[in-house]
Amino acid sequence: MKIQKAGKKDFDSVFQLMQQLWPSSRFNKDKVKNIYSEQIDEKKIFLIAKEDEKALGFISLSVILDL
């Protein structure tokens, strides 16, 4: 398994994983893609785990400094 930084090219894999995680939710793929693209560009960390190019999981991390 390889863990790497997720990019815009990983959206379809992340979207499929989201559908598995929340099977009863109906996501608008275009809206989710817009949000994902904005988040990827805003210094947030997204990681994706892959094995043989198949996505196994993902995580997002946002650090908010509030001192």
Protein backbone atom coordinates (compact mmCIF):
# COMPACT_ATOMS: atom_id res chain seq x y z
CA MET A 1 0.00 0.00 0.00
CA LYS A 2 1.20 3.49 -0.85
CA ILE A 3 0.02 6.68 0.87
CA GLN A 4 0.44 9.83 -1.15
CA LYS A 5 -0.81 13.37 -1.44
CA ALA A 6 -4.15 13.44 -3.25
CA GLY A 7 -4.64 15.74 -6.19
CA LYS A 8 -7.41 16.81 -8.50
CA LYS A 9 -6.81 13.67 -10.58
CA ASP A 10 -7.87 11.56 -7.58
CA PHE A 11 -11.37 13.03 -7.34
CA ASP A 12 -13.23 10.09 -8.88
CA SER A 13 -11.56 7.66 -6.47
CA VAL A 14 -12.29 9.90 -3.47
CA PHE A 15 -15.90 10.32 -4.60
CA GLN A 16 -16.37 6.55 -4.82
CA LEU A 17 -14.94 6.15 -1.32
CA MET A 18 -17.32 8.83 -0.01
CA GLN A 19 -20.26 6.95 -1.50
CA GLN A 20 -19.09 3.77 0.26
CA LEU A 21 -18.67 5.63 3.56
CA TRP A 22 -22.12 7.25 3.41
CA PRO A 23 -24.24 4.87 1.27
CA SER A 24 -27.57 6.42 2.26
CA SER A 25 -26.46 9.92 1.19
CA ARG A 26 -27.05 11.24 -2.29
CA PHE A 27 -24.19 13.50 -3.32
CA ASN A 28 -24.29 15.89 -6.24
CA LYS A 29 -21.04 14.90 -7.96
CA ASP A 30 -20.53 18.30 -9.61
CA LYS A 31 -20.97 20.20 -6.33
CA VAL A 32 -18.68 17.82 -4.47
CA LYS A 33 -16.08 18.14 -7.23
CA ASN A 34 -16.16 21.94 -6.98
CA ILE A 35 -15.70 21.81 -3.20
CA TYR A 36 -12.93 19.22 -3.51
CA SER A 37 -11.10 21.32 -6.11
CA GLU A 38 -11.32 24.43 -3.93
CA GLN A 39 -10.09 22.55 -0.87
CA ILE A 40 -7.15 21.00 -2.76
CA ASP A 41 -6.03 24.50 -3.75
CA GLU A 42 -6.26 25.97 -0.23
CA LYS A 43 -3.26 24.50 1.59
CA LYS A 44 -5.27 21.69 3.13
CA ILE A 45 -3.80 18.24 3.28
CA PHE A 46 -5.50 15.37 1.48
CA LEU A 47 -3.92 11.93 1.47
CA ILE A 48 -5.02 8.87 -0.45
CA ALA A 49 -4.03 5.26 0.14
CA LYS A 50 -3.63 3.11 -2.97
CA GLU A 51 -2.62 -0.42 -3.74
CA ASP A 52 -1.98 -1.33 -7.36
CA GLU A 53 -3.54 2.04 -8.29
CA LYS A 54 -6.81 1.11 -6.53
CA ALA A 55 -7.90 3.64 -3.90
CA LEU A 56 -8.37 2.08 -0.47
CA GLY A 57 -8.97 5.16 1.68
CA PHE A 58 -8.49 8.89 2.03
CA ILE A 59 -8.11 11.50 4.74
CA SER A 60 -8.22 15.28 4.86
CA LEU A 61 -6.53 17.45 7.43
CA SER A 62 -6.96 21.10 8.15
CA VAL A 63 -4.90 22.93 10.75
CA ILE A 64 -6.50 26.03 12.21
CA LEU A 65 -4.22 28.26 14.22
CA ASP A 66 -6.09 29.99 17.02
CA LEU A 67 -3.64 31.33 19.54
